[in-house]
Amino acid sequence: MKIIIVHNQVSSQDSADARDVLFQVEAVSGAMNNLGHQVETLACTLDLENMGRTLTEKRPDYVFNLVEDIAGQGRLIHLFPFLLDSLGIAYSGSAAESIFLTSHKIMAKERMIFSGLPTPDWRGPCPFRGPGRASGGCKGVGKWIVKSLWEHASVGLDSGSVLETDSFARLMGEMESRLVSLGGACFAEEFIDGREFNLSLLESDSGVEVLPPAEIVFEGYSKDMVRIVDYQAKWEDDSYGYHHTNRCFDFAEEDKGLLQNLIGLARKSWEVFALAGYARVDFRVDDSNRPYILEVNANPCLSPDAGFAAALSRAGLSFGQAVQRIISAGRVA
């Protein structure tokens, strides 16, 4: 097949999380070449009219969608698959509607609540625009983590993102003070101080396969250190967190019931959000073994050192096999 890998435009001056897409392009391109496909790459810009003309002229059989933002804005991520829908071009992964819904973290949480999926309570968004959990009174009391509404890759997260407040007014003030670092829109989520799990999913001819669950182990973290995978832990290789937040695929027998519960919730998330191709569901589990979904990621990172590739390896699947399965599951408008 003639396949075009489309990714967000990046430069050498961009941050590590933005540049990571180039490693994904290299990995996917190599797998496709080995599979015998004709491959080229294309950077997506905000000029969607020109993108449409270019794709129409090139007439690909398929587009592998690695667009993680447009013009540096995660909130625009859904525009490119909507363009592909309008052009009638087959593409990888979930539909534009699913990408939009899962990328807006509060809308995703509202869908989870409606569908009976457990997720931590929240307040926001900030700035407040329309519906949201933004009433006053005592509803801001507790321990919270302030997150970006749209951006992924732990953008803007650090140890100071976890805080305790005694009023909604103070919580809103904390959110407002972090707006710039969080992409201009954020919310506060109840902080679940417990274990963290990532479950990757891959489509197959018989449905969705949940790959082996991975736990993020916070090795050497003292009691006063916040156990989150913040931006440093994910992207800065000279940081403590980068070297001490490791994946573990080996579990005690006593975790068997918990893991089966997580697998069931991941499968239900796939159905609720109408996901396709591949995805990842992130969880926190409290001290009573109650799981909470933090995020449903419709286009998780495909870099060779990322969690999805690690889960593939643990499942005995090659990266090339996964890429072929994603291509085979590709959708047409």
C-alpha atoms as a PDB file:
ATOM      1  CA  MET A   1       0.000   0.000   0.000  1.00  0.00           C
ATOM      2  CA  LYS A   2       0.953   3.617  -0.467  1.00  0.00           C
ATOM      3  CA  ILE A   3       0.968   5.003   3.076  1.00  0.00           C
ATOM      4  CA  ILE A   4       1.661   8.515   4.314  1.00  0.00           C
ATOM      5  CA  ILE A   5       2.682   8.941   7.944  1.00  0.00           C
ATOM      6  CA  VAL A   6       1.393  12.344   9.038  1.00  0.00           C
ATOM      7  CA  HIS A   7       2.764  13.905  12.219  1.00  0.00           C
ATOM      8  CA  ASN A   8       2.652  17.254  13.966  1.00  0.00           C
ATOM      9  CA  GLN A   9       5.235  19.747  12.751  1.00  0.00           C
ATOM     10  CA  VAL A  10       8.212  20.112  15.112  1.00  0.00           C
ATOM     11  CA  SER A  11      11.550  21.878  15.126  1.00  0.00           C
ATOM     12  CA  SER A  12      14.861  21.364  16.903  1.00  0.00           C
ATOM     13  CA  GLN A  13      13.874  24.161  19.304  1.00  0.00           C
ATOM     14  CA  ASP A  14      10.742  22.370  20.481  1.00  0.00           C
ATOM     15  CA  SER A  15      10.524  20.615  23.845  1.00  0.00           C
ATOM     16  CA  ALA A  16      11.384  16.945  24.324  1.00  0.00           C
ATOM     17  CA  ASP A  17       7.753  15.853  24.448  1.00  0.00           C
ATOM     18  CA  ALA A  18       7.047  17.514  21.085  1.00  0.00           C
ATOM     19  CA  ARG A  19      10.172  16.121  19.407  1.00  0.00           C
ATOM     20  CA  ASP A  20       9.323  12.600  20.546  1.00  0.00           C
ATOM     21  CA  VAL A  21       6.908  12.232  17.631  1.00  0.00           C
ATOM     22  CA  LEU A  22       9.916  12.024  15.298  1.00  0.00           C
ATOM     23  CA  PHE A  23      11.052   8.830  17.068  1.00  0.00           C
ATOM     24  CA  GLN A  24       7.558   7.454  16.562  1.00  0.00           C
ATOM     25  CA  VAL A  25       7.686   8.331  12.866  1.00  0.00           C
ATOM     26  CA  GLU A  26      11.033   6.568  12.519  1.00  0.00           C
ATOM     27  CA  ALA A  27       9.785   3.428  14.281  1.00  0.00           C
ATOM     28  CA  VAL A  28       6.507   3.213  12.342  1.00  0.00           C
ATOM     29  CA  SER A  29       8.215   3.991   9.042  1.00  0.00           C
ATOM     30  CA  GLY A  30      10.795   1.255   9.607  1.00  0.00           C
ATOM     31  CA  ALA A  31       8.099  -1.282  10.435  1.00  0.00           C
ATOM     32  CA  MET A  32       6.108  -0.354   7.332  1.00  0.00           C
ATOM     33  CA  ASN A  33       9.130  -0.620   5.075  1.00  0.00           C
ATOM     34  CA  ASN A  34       9.804  -4.098   6.448  1.00  0.00           C
ATOM     35  CA  LEU A  35       6.172  -4.987   5.745  1.00  0.00           C
ATOM     36  CA  GLY A  36       6.620  -3.959   2.104  1.00  0.00           C
ATOM     37  CA  HIS A  37       4.557  -0.773   2.113  1.00  0.00           C
ATOM     38  CA  GLN A  38       5.457   2.338   0.128  1.00  0.00           C
ATOM     39  CA  VAL A  39       5.975   5.006   2.798  1.00  0.00           C
ATOM     40  CA  GLU A  40       6.451   8.739   2.964  1.00  0.00           C
ATOM     41  CA  THR A  41       6.013  11.294   5.737  1.00  0.00           C
ATOM     42  CA  LEU A  42       4.232  14.624   5.950  1.00  0.00           C
ATOM     43  CA  ALA A  43       4.077  17.269   8.682  1.00  0.00           C
ATOM     44  CA  CYS A  44       0.644  18.637   9.563  1.00  0.00           C
ATOM     45  CA  THR A  45       0.247  22.399   9.949  1.00  0.00           C
ATOM     46  CA  LEU A  46      -2.682  24.645  10.723  1.00  0.00           C
ATOM     47  CA  ASP A  47      -3.117  25.240   6.987  1.00  0.00           C
ATOM     48  CA  LEU A  48      -5.649  22.429   6.625  1.00  0.00           C
ATOM     49  CA  GLU A  49      -6.761  23.631   3.200  1.00  0.00           C
ATOM     50  CA  ASN A  50      -3.244  23.055   1.887  1.00  0.00           C
ATOM     51  CA  MET A  51      -3.026  19.735   3.767  1.00  0.00           C
ATOM     52  CA  GLY A  52      -6.198  18.628   2.005  1.00  0.00           C
ATOM     53  CA  ARG A  53      -4.838  19.596  -1.413  1.00  0.00           C
ATOM     54  CA  THR A  54      -1.561  17.807  -0.766  1.00  0.00           C
ATOM     55  CA  LEU A  55      -3.249  14.597   0.326  1.00  0.00           C
ATOM     56  CA  THR A  56      -5.647  14.716  -2.624  1.00  0.00           C
ATOM     57  CA  GLU A  57      -2.722  15.092  -5.016  1.00  0.00           C
ATOM     58  CA  LYS A  58      -0.685  12.305  -3.403  1.00  0.00           C
ATOM     59  CA  ARG A  59      -3.686   9.927  -3.282  1.00  0.00           C
ATOM     60  CA  PRO A  60      -2.491   7.646  -0.461  1.00  0.00           C
ATOM     61  CA  ASP A  61      -4.207   4.344   0.174  1.00  0.00           C
ATOM     62  CA  TYR A  62      -3.887   4.998   3.881  1.00  0.00           C
ATOM     63  CA  VAL A  63      -2.713   7.614   6.373  1.00  0.00           C
ATOM     64  CA  PHE A  64      -1.002   6.627   9.614  1.00  0.00           C
ATOM     65  CA  ASN A  65      -2.057   9.408  11.984  1.00  0.00           C
ATOM     66  CA  LEU A  66       0.668  10.490  14.413  1.00  0.00           C
ATOM     67  CA  VAL A  67      -0.599  14.060  14.814  1.00  0.00           C
ATOM     68  CA  GLU A  68      -0.445  14.900  18.526  1.00  0.00           C
ATOM     69  CA  ASP A  69      -1.112  18.621  18.219  1.00  0.00           C
ATOM     70  CA  ILE A  70      -1.477  21.281  15.561  1.00  0.00           C
ATOM     71  CA  ALA A  71       0.538  24.505  15.810  1.00  0.00           C
ATOM     72  CA  GLY A  72       1.636  23.333  19.267  1.00  0.00           C
ATOM     73  CA  GLN A  73      -1.940  23.135  20.561  1.00  0.00           C
ATOM     74  CA  GLY A  74      -3.196  19.813  21.893  1.00  0.00           C
ATOM     75  CA  ARG A  75      -6.756  21.120  21.768  1.00  0.00           C
ATOM     76  CA  LEU A  76      -6.570  21.046  17.942  1.00  0.00           C
ATOM     77  CA  ILE A  77      -5.576  17.378  17.708  1.00  0.00           C
ATOM     78  CA  HIS A  78      -8.956  16.263  16.340  1.00  0.00           C
ATOM     79  CA  LEU A  79      -8.920  18.619  13.345  1.00  0.00           C
ATOM     80  CA  PHE A  80      -6.671  16.431  11.198  1.00  0.00           C
ATOM     81  CA  PRO A  81      -8.735  13.220  11.460  1.00  0.00           C
ATOM     82  CA  PHE A  82     -11.856  15.274  10.740  1.00  0.00           C
ATOM     83  CA  LEU A  83     -10.084  16.462   7.578  1.00  0.00           C
ATOM     84  CA  LEU A  84      -9.346  12.849   6.637  1.00  0.00           C
ATOM     85  CA  ASP A  85     -13.005  12.000   7.182  1.00  0.00           C
ATOM     86  CA  SER A  86     -14.031  14.779   4.812  1.00  0.00           C
ATOM     87  CA  LEU A  87     -11.599  13.491   2.190  1.00  0.00           C
ATOM     88  CA  GLY A  88     -12.677   9.873   2.599  1.00  0.00           C
ATOM     89  CA  ILE A  89      -9.131   8.674   3.331  1.00  0.00           C
ATOM     90  CA  ALA A  90      -8.579   5.601   5.498  1.00  0.00           C
ATOM     91  CA  TYR A  91      -6.496   6.263   8.605  1.00  0.00           C
ATOM     92  CA  SER A  92      -5.098   4.595  11.689  1.00  0.00           C
ATOM     93  CA  GLY A  93      -6.487   4.654  15.183  1.00  0.00           C
ATOM     94  CA  SER A  94      -9.684   6.054  16.581  1.00  0.00           C
ATOM     95  CA  ALA A  95     -12.201   8.252  14.824  1.00  0.00           C
ATOM     96  CA  ALA A  96     -12.013  12.028  15.073  1.00  0.00           C
ATOM     97  CA  GLU A  97     -14.968  12.114  17.470  1.00  0.00           C
ATOM     98  CA  SER A  98     -13.276   9.688  19.869  1.00  0.00           C
ATOM     99  CA  ILE A  99     -10.021  11.647  19.742  1.00  0.00           C
ATOM    100  CA  PHE A 100     -11.863  14.869  20.548  1.00  0.00           C
ATOM    101  CA  LEU A 101     -13.811  13.318  23.417  1.00  0.00           C
ATOM    102  CA  THR A 102     -10.828  11.643  25.055  1.00  0.00           C
ATOM    103  CA  SER A 103      -8.561  14.679  24.601  1.00  0.00           C
ATOM    104  CA  HIS A 104     -10.895  16.997  26.540  1.00  0.00           C
ATOM    105  CA  LYS A 105     -10.303  15.460  29.948  1.00  0.00           C
ATOM    106  CA  ILE A 106     -13.452  16.752  31.641  1.00  0.00           C
ATOM    107  CA  MET A 107     -15.740  15.626  28.822  1.00  0.00           C
ATOM    108  CA  ALA A 108     -14.012  12.244  29.001  1.00  0.00           C
ATOM    109  CA  LYS A 109     -14.632  12.056  32.747  1.00  0.00           C
ATOM    110  CA  GLU A 110     -18.284  13.022  32.266  1.00  0.00           C
ATOM    111  CA  ARG A 111     -18.653  10.168  29.758  1.00  0.00           C
ATOM    112  CA  MET A 112     -17.014   7.804  32.255  1.00  0.00           C
ATOM    113  CA  ILE A 113     -19.438   8.794  35.021  1.00  0.00           C
ATOM    114  CA  PHE A 114     -22.410   8.418  32.673  1.00  0.00           C
ATOM    115  CA  SER A 115     -21.183   4.950  31.635  1.00  0.00           C
ATOM    116  CA  GLY A 116     -20.420   3.687  35.127  1.00  0.00           C
ATOM    117  CA  LEU A 117     -16.639   3.852  34.818  1.00  0.00           C
ATOM    118  CA  PRO A 118     -14.816   4.959  37.994  1.00  0.00           C
ATOM    119  CA  THR A 119     -12.816   8.170  37.778  1.00  0.00           C
ATOM    120  CA  PRO A 120     -11.594  10.605  40.435  1.00  0.00           C
ATOM    121  CA  ASP A 121     -13.806  13.554  41.299  1.00  0.00           C
ATOM    122  CA  TRP A 122     -12.844  16.909  39.789  1.00  0.00           C
ATOM    123  CA  ARG A 123     -13.387  20.671  39.904  1.00  0.00           C
ATOM    124  CA  GLY A 124     -13.239  23.031  36.979  1.00  0.00           C
ATOM    125  CA  PRO A 125     -12.540  23.756  34.215  1.00  0.00           C
ATOM    126  CA  CYS A 126     -10.530  26.914  34.619  1.00  0.00           C
ATOM    127  CA  PRO A 127     -11.217  29.338  33.032  1.00  0.00           C
ATOM    128  CA  PHE A 128     -14.825  28.476  33.745  1.00  0.00           C
ATOM    129  CA  ARG A 129     -16.908  28.297  30.579  1.00  0.00           C
ATOM    130  CA  GLY A 130     -20.338  26.758  30.871  1.00  0.00           C
ATOM    131  CA  PRO A 131     -21.046  23.389  32.530  1.00  0.00           C
ATOM    132  CA  GLY A 132     -18.537  22.032  35.000  1.00  0.00           C
ATOM    133  CA  ARG A 133     -18.012  21.228  38.643  1.00  0.00           C
ATOM    134  CA  ALA A 134     -17.292  24.801  39.591  1.00  0.00           C
ATOM    135  CA  SER A 135     -19.672  25.585  42.429  1.00  0.00           C
ATOM    136  CA  GLY A 136     -18.434  27.184  45.627  1.00  0.00           C
ATOM    137  CA  GLY A 137     -18.890  26.264  49.256  1.00  0.00           C
ATOM    138  CA  CYS A 138     -16.806  23.436  50.675  1.00  0.00           C
ATOM    139  CA  LYS A 139     -16.395  21.639  47.349  1.00  0.00           C
ATOM    140  CA  GLY A 140     -12.737  22.581  47.074  1.00  0.00           C
ATOM    141  CA  VAL A 141     -11.666  20.870  50.293  1.00  0.00           C
ATOM    142  CA  GLY A 142      -9.180  18.019  49.963  1.00  0.00           C
ATOM    143  CA  LYS A 143      -6.080  16.884  48.131  1.00  0.00           C
ATOM    144  CA  TRP A 144      -5.994  17.681  44.421  1.00  0.00           C
ATOM    145  CA  ILE A 145      -3.754  17.459  41.403  1.00  0.00           C
ATOM    146  CA  VAL A 146      -4.014  20.334  38.931  1.00  0.00           C
ATOM    147  CA  LYS A 147      -3.795  19.162  35.308  1.00  0.00           C
ATOM    148  CA  SER A 148      -4.008  20.566  31.814  1.00  0.00           C
ATOM    149  CA  LEU A 149      -7.470  20.238  30.288  1.00  0.00           C
ATOM    150  CA  TRP A 150      -6.130  19.405  26.806  1.00  0.00           C
ATOM    151  CA  GLU A 151      -2.394  18.765  26.831  1.00  0.00           C
ATOM    152  CA  HIS A 152      -0.913  15.307  27.333  1.00  0.00           C
ATOM    153  CA  ALA A 153       2.622  13.972  27.952  1.00  0.00           C
ATOM    154  CA  SER A 154       2.528  15.317  31.559  1.00  0.00           C
ATOM    155  CA  VAL A 155       2.890  18.871  30.269  1.00  0.00           C
ATOM    156  CA  GLY A 156       2.996  21.296  33.198  1.00  0.00           C
ATOM    157  CA  LEU A 157       3.027  18.594  35.884  1.00  0.00           C
ATOM    158  CA  ASP A 158       5.502  18.811  38.759  1.00  0.00           C
ATOM    159  CA  SER A 159       5.533  18.043  42.471  1.00  0.00           C
ATOM    160  CA  GLY A 160       3.771  21.356  43.138  1.00  0.00           C
ATOM    161  CA  SER A 161       0.805  20.217  41.055  1.00  0.00           C
ATOM    162  CA  VAL A 162      -0.428  18.154  44.031  1.00  0.00           C
ATOM    163  CA  LEU A 163      -1.838  20.327  46.807  1.00  0.00           C
ATOM    164  CA  GLU A 164      -4.344  20.496  49.629  1.00  0.00           C
ATOM    165  CA  THR A 165      -6.958  23.243  49.795  1.00  0.00           C
ATOM    166  CA  ASP A 166      -9.673  24.229  52.271  1.00  0.00           C
ATOM    167  CA  SER A 167     -12.048  26.076  49.941  1.00  0.00           C
ATOM    168  CA  PHE A 168     -13.160  26.230  46.344  1.00  0.00           C
ATOM    169  CA  ALA A 169     -11.939  29.829  46.069  1.00  0.00           C
ATOM    170  CA  ARG A 170      -8.409  28.800  47.013  1.00  0.00           C
ATOM    171  CA  LEU A 171      -8.517  25.848  44.622  1.00  0.00           C
ATOM    172  CA  MET A 172      -9.600  28.117  41.759  1.00  0.00           C
ATOM    173  CA  GLY A 173      -6.787  30.498  42.649  1.00  0.00           C
ATOM    174  CA  GLU A 174      -4.286  27.649  42.459  1.00  0.00           C
ATOM    175  CA  MET A 175      -5.671  26.624  39.051  1.00  0.00           C
ATOM    176  CA  GLU A 176      -5.521  30.191  37.740  1.00  0.00           C
ATOM    177  CA  SER A 177      -1.881  30.517  38.791  1.00  0.00           C
ATOM    178  CA  ARG A 178      -0.976  27.475  36.662  1.00  0.00           C
ATOM    179  CA  LEU A 179      -2.908  28.314  33.506  1.00  0.00           C
ATOM    180  CA  VAL A 180       0.062  29.388  31.401  1.00  0.00           C
ATOM    181  CA  SER A 181       2.141  26.287  32.147  1.00  0.00           C
ATOM    182  CA  LEU A 182      -0.880  24.041  31.503  1.00  0.00           C
ATOM    183  CA  GLY A 183      -1.707  25.268  28.009  1.00  0.00           C
ATOM    184  CA  GLY A 184      -4.252  27.917  28.977  1.00  0.00           C
ATOM    185  CA  ALA A 185      -6.921  25.617  30.416  1.00  0.00           C
ATOM    186  CA  CYS A 186      -6.854  23.275  33.395  1.00  0.00           C
ATOM    187  CA  PHE A 187      -8.882  21.463  36.038  1.00  0.00           C
ATOM    188  CA  ALA A 188      -8.344  19.972  39.484  1.00  0.00           C
ATOM    189  CA  GLU A 189      -8.702  16.236  40.007  1.00  0.00           C
ATOM    190  CA  GLU A 190      -9.026  14.451  43.333  1.00  0.00           C
ATOM    191  CA  PHE A 191      -5.584  13.021  44.046  1.00  0.00           C
ATOM    192  CA  ILE A 192      -5.578   9.258  44.484  1.00  0.00           C
ATOM    193  CA  ASP A 193      -2.510   8.549  46.587  1.00  0.00           C
ATOM    194  CA  GLY A 194      -1.893   4.946  45.577  1.00  0.00           C
ATOM    195  CA  ARG A 195      -0.566   2.639  42.860  1.00  0.00           C
ATOM    196  CA  GLU A 196      -0.450   3.558  39.169  1.00  0.00           C
ATOM    197  CA  PHE A 197      -1.129   1.233  36.222  1.00  0.00           C
ATOM    198  CA  ASN A 198      -1.070   1.532  32.423  1.00  0.00           C
ATOM    199  CA  LEU A 199      -3.030  -0.890  30.251  1.00  0.00           C
ATOM    200  CA  SER A 200      -2.377  -0.857  26.506  1.00  0.00           C
ATOM    201  CA  LEU A 201      -4.933  -2.152  24.024  1.00  0.00           C
ATOM    202  CA  LEU A 202      -4.519  -3.414  20.455  1.00  0.00           C
ATOM    203  CA  GLU A 203      -7.243  -4.293  17.982  1.00  0.00           C
ATOM    204  CA  SER A 204      -7.350  -7.742  16.398  1.00  0.00           C
ATOM    205  CA  ASP A 205      -9.626  -9.649  14.019  1.00  0.00           C
ATOM    206  CA  SER A 206     -11.521 -11.040  17.007  1.00  0.00           C
ATOM    207  CA  GLY A 207     -11.864  -7.741  18.876  1.00  0.00           C
ATOM    208  CA  VAL A 208      -9.630  -5.830  21.235  1.00  0.00           C
ATOM    209  CA  GLU A 209      -6.670  -7.434  23.007  1.00  0.00           C
ATOM    210  CA  VAL A 210      -5.612  -6.024  26.356  1.00  0.00           C
ATOM    211  CA  LEU A 211      -1.830  -6.269  26.539  1.00  0.00           C
ATOM    212  CA  PRO A 212      -0.101  -7.230  29.814  1.00  0.00           C
ATOM    213  CA  PRO A 213      -0.762  -4.616  32.526  1.00  0.00           C
ATOM    214  CA  ALA A 214       2.163  -2.518  33.676  1.00  0.00           C
ATOM    215  CA  GLU A 215       2.578  -0.863  37.071  1.00  0.00           C
ATOM    216  CA  ILE A 216       4.651   2.276  37.504  1.00  0.00           C
ATOM    217  CA  VAL A 217       6.879   1.660  40.511  1.00  0.00           C
ATOM    218  CA  PHE A 218       8.166   4.735  42.339  1.00  0.00           C
ATOM    219  CA  GLU A 219      11.478   3.313  43.451  1.00  0.00           C
ATOM    220  CA  GLY A 220      13.305   5.056  46.266  1.00  0.00           C
ATOM    221  CA  TYR A 221      10.599   7.680  46.766  1.00  0.00           C
ATOM    222  CA  SER A 222      10.493   8.903  50.361  1.00  0.00           C
ATOM    223  CA  LYS A 223       7.219   9.567  52.171  1.00  0.00           C
ATOM    224  CA  ASP A 224       7.417  13.290  51.462  1.00  0.00           C
ATOM    225  CA  MET A 225       7.937  12.815  47.704  1.00  0.00           C
ATOM    226  CA  VAL A 226       4.866  13.034  45.475  1.00  0.00           C
ATOM    227  CA  ARG A 227       4.304   9.802  43.576  1.00  0.00           C
ATOM    228  CA  ILE A 228       3.332  11.022  40.113  1.00  0.00           C
ATOM    229  CA  VAL A 229       4.913  10.646  36.686  1.00  0.00           C
ATOM    230  CA  ASP A 230       5.483  14.353  36.172  1.00  0.00           C
ATOM    231  CA  TYR A 231       7.144  16.095  33.231  1.00  0.00           C
ATOM    232  CA  GLN A 232      10.666  15.573  34.582  1.00  0.00           C
ATOM    233  CA  ALA A 233      10.081  11.872  35.204  1.00  0.00           C
ATOM    234  CA  LYS A 234       8.800  11.421  31.678  1.00  0.00           C
ATOM    235  CA  TRP A 235      11.186  13.597  29.662  1.00  0.00           C
ATOM    236  CA  GLU A 236      14.262  14.844  31.552  1.00  0.00           C
ATOM    237  CA  ASP A 237      16.886  12.108  31.637  1.00  0.00           C
ATOM    238  CA  ASP A 238      18.976  13.894  34.268  1.00  0.00           C
ATOM    239  CA  SER A 239      16.124  13.950  36.787  1.00  0.00           C
ATOM    240  CA  TYR A 240      15.546  11.617  39.730  1.00  0.00           C
ATOM    241  CA  GLY A 241      12.063  10.695  38.565  1.00  0.00           C
ATOM    242  CA  TYR A 242      13.237   9.675  35.100  1.00  0.00           C
ATOM    243  CA  HIS A 243      15.402   6.913  36.578  1.00  0.00           C
ATOM    244  CA  HIS A 244      13.107   5.885  39.436  1.00  0.00           C
ATOM    245  CA  THR A 245       9.681   5.519  37.816  1.00  0.00           C
ATOM    246  CA  ASN A 246       9.998   2.099  36.256  1.00  0.00           C
ATOM    247  CA  ARG A 247       7.481  -0.255  34.654  1.00  0.00           C
ATOM    248  CA  CYS A 248       6.830  -3.607  36.248  1.00  0.00           C
ATOM    249  CA  PHE A 249       4.951  -6.461  34.547  1.00  0.00           C
ATOM    250  CA  ASP A 250       5.421  -8.986  37.365  1.00  0.00           C
ATOM    251  CA  PHE A 251       2.761  -9.219  40.058  1.00  0.00           C
ATOM    252  CA  ALA A 252       2.031 -11.181  43.187  1.00  0.00           C
ATOM    253  CA  GLU A 253      -0.767 -13.729  43.210  1.00  0.00           C
ATOM    254  CA  GLU A 254      -2.758 -11.429  45.489  1.00  0.00           C
ATOM    255  CA  ASP A 255      -2.963  -8.866  42.654  1.00  0.00           C
ATOM    256  CA  LYS A 256      -4.742 -11.275  40.301  1.00  0.00           C
ATOM    257  CA  GLY A 257      -8.235 -10.026  41.147  1.00  0.00           C
ATOM    258  CA  LEU A 258      -7.197  -6.384  40.837  1.00  0.00           C
ATOM    259  CA  LEU A 259      -5.577  -6.986  37.449  1.00  0.00           C
ATOM    260  CA  GLN A 260      -8.688  -8.733  36.135  1.00  0.00           C
ATOM    261  CA  ASN A 261     -10.734  -5.762  37.293  1.00  0.00           C
ATOM    262  CA  LEU A 262      -8.407  -3.343  35.488  1.00  0.00           C
ATOM    263  CA  ILE A 263      -8.556  -5.428  32.309  1.00  0.00           C
ATOM    264  CA  GLY A 264     -12.352  -5.400  32.414  1.00  0.00           C
ATOM    265  CA  LEU A 265     -12.433  -1.627  32.891  1.00  0.00           C
ATOM    266  CA  ALA A 266      -9.981  -1.143  30.022  1.00  0.00           C
ATOM    267  CA  ARG A 267     -12.183  -3.228  27.723  1.00  0.00           C
ATOM    268  CA  LYS A 268     -15.261  -1.266  28.751  1.00  0.00           C
ATOM    269  CA  SER A 269     -13.392   2.001  28.111  1.00  0.00           C
ATOM    270  CA  TRP A 270     -12.612   0.792  24.594  1.00  0.00           C
ATOM    271  CA  GLU A 271     -16.324   0.257  23.995  1.00  0.00           C
ATOM    272  CA  VAL A 272     -17.574   3.403  25.740  1.00  0.00           C
ATOM    273  CA  PHE A 273     -15.256   5.690  23.769  1.00  0.00           C
ATOM    274  CA  ALA A 274     -15.607   3.719  20.495  1.00  0.00           C
ATOM    275  CA  LEU A 275     -11.824   3.328  20.243  1.00  0.00           C
ATOM    276  CA  ALA A 276     -10.064   1.640  17.330  1.00  0.00           C
ATOM    277  CA  GLY A 277      -6.606   0.414  16.366  1.00  0.00           C
ATOM    278  CA  TYR A 278      -4.744   0.957  19.618  1.00  0.00           C
ATOM    279  CA  ALA A 279      -5.138   2.857  22.887  1.00  0.00           C
ATOM    280  CA  ARG A 280      -4.030   3.044  26.509  1.00  0.00           C
ATOM    281  CA  VAL A 281      -5.965   3.433  29.754  1.00  0.00           C
ATOM    282  CA  ASP A 282      -4.224   4.851  32.832  1.00  0.00           C
ATOM    283  CA  PHE A 283      -5.339   4.016  36.366  1.00  0.00           C
ATOM    284  CA  ARG A 284      -4.649   4.867  39.972  1.00  0.00           C
ATOM    285  CA  VAL A 285      -5.628   2.349  42.654  1.00  0.00           C
ATOM    286  CA  ASP A 286      -6.226   3.457  46.237  1.00  0.00           C
ATOM    287  CA  ASP A 287      -5.302   1.659  49.455  1.00  0.00           C
ATOM    288  CA  SER A 288      -8.614  -0.240  49.386  1.00  0.00           C
ATOM    289  CA  ASN A 289      -7.821  -1.635  45.910  1.00  0.00           C
ATOM    290  CA  ARG A 290     -10.437   0.588  44.284  1.00  0.00           C
ATOM    291  CA  PRO A 291      -9.377   1.547  40.740  1.00  0.00           C
ATOM    292  CA  TYR A 292      -9.935   4.966  39.177  1.00  0.00           C
ATOM    293  CA  ILE A 293      -9.422   5.819  35.510  1.00  0.00           C
ATOM    294  CA  LEU A 294      -7.196   8.855  35.098  1.00  0.00           C
ATOM    295  CA  GLU A 295      -7.140   9.015  31.326  1.00  0.00           C
ATOM    296  CA  VAL A 296      -8.170   7.194  28.182  1.00  0.00           C
ATOM    297  CA  ASN A 297      -5.522   7.842  25.526  1.00  0.00           C
ATOM    298  CA  ALA A 298      -6.777   7.216  21.992  1.00  0.00           C
ATOM    299  CA  ASN A 299      -3.329   7.676  20.425  1.00  0.00           C
ATOM    300  CA  PRO A 300      -0.646   6.605  22.917  1.00  0.00           C
ATOM    301  CA  CYS A 301       3.033   7.104  22.212  1.00  0.00           C
ATOM    302  CA  LEU A 302       4.559   4.539  19.842  1.00  0.00           C
ATOM    303  CA  SER A 303       8.215   5.344  20.557  1.00  0.00           C
ATOM    304  CA  PRO A 304      10.394   2.248  21.041  1.00  0.00           C
ATOM    305  CA  ASP A 305      11.052   3.150  24.692  1.00  0.00           C
ATOM    306  CA  ALA A 306       7.427   3.945  25.561  1.00  0.00           C
ATOM    307  CA  GLY A 307       4.952   1.856  27.511  1.00  0.00           C
ATOM    308  CA  PHE A 308       3.021   0.583  24.507  1.00  0.00           C
ATOM    309  CA  ALA A 309       6.134  -0.961  22.941  1.00  0.00           C
ATOM    310  CA  ALA A 310       7.095  -2.472  26.303  1.00  0.00           C
ATOM    311  CA  ALA A 311       3.655  -4.070  26.632  1.00  0.00           C
ATOM    312  CA  LEU A 312       3.934  -5.476  23.104  1.00  0.00           C
ATOM    313  CA  SER A 313       7.256  -7.066  23.964  1.00  0.00           C
ATOM    314  CA  ARG A 314       5.822  -8.556  27.137  1.00  0.00           C
ATOM    315  CA  ALA A 315       2.938 -10.007  25.083  1.00  0.00           C
ATOM    316  CA  GLY A 316       5.375 -11.602  22.624  1.00  0.00           C
ATOM    317  CA  LEU A 317       4.339  -9.330  19.759  1.00  0.00           C
ATOM    318  CA  SER A 318       6.784  -7.505  17.509  1.00  0.00           C
ATOM    319  CA  PHE A 319       6.371  -3.826  16.766  1.00  0.00           C
ATOM    320  CA  GLY A 320       5.872  -4.720  13.100  1.00  0.00           C
ATOM    321  CA  GLN A 321       3.028  -7.087  13.968  1.00  0.00           C
ATOM    322  CA  ALA A 322       1.343  -4.342  15.951  1.00  0.00           C
ATOM    323  CA  VAL A 323       1.728  -1.811  13.136  1.00  0.00           C
ATOM    324  CA  GLN A 324       0.193  -4.261  10.660  1.00  0.00           C
ATOM    325  CA  ARG A 325      -2.738  -4.877  13.007  1.00  0.00           C
ATOM    326  CA  ILE A 326      -3.269  -1.122  13.402  1.00  0.00           C
ATOM    327  CA  ILE A 327      -3.224  -0.710   9.625  1.00  0.00           C
ATOM    328  CA  SER A 328      -5.659  -3.582   9.159  1.00  0.00           C
ATOM    329  CA  ALA A 329      -8.055  -1.972  11.633  1.00  0.00           C
ATOM    330  CA  GLY A 330      -7.884   1.408   9.856  1.00  0.00           C
ATOM    331  CA  ARG A 331     -11.147   3.172   9.257  1.00  0.00           C
ATOM    332  CA  VAL A 332     -12.664   4.932   6.256  1.00  0.00           C
ATOM    333  CA  ALA A 333     -15.102   7.835   6.544  1.00  0.00           C
END
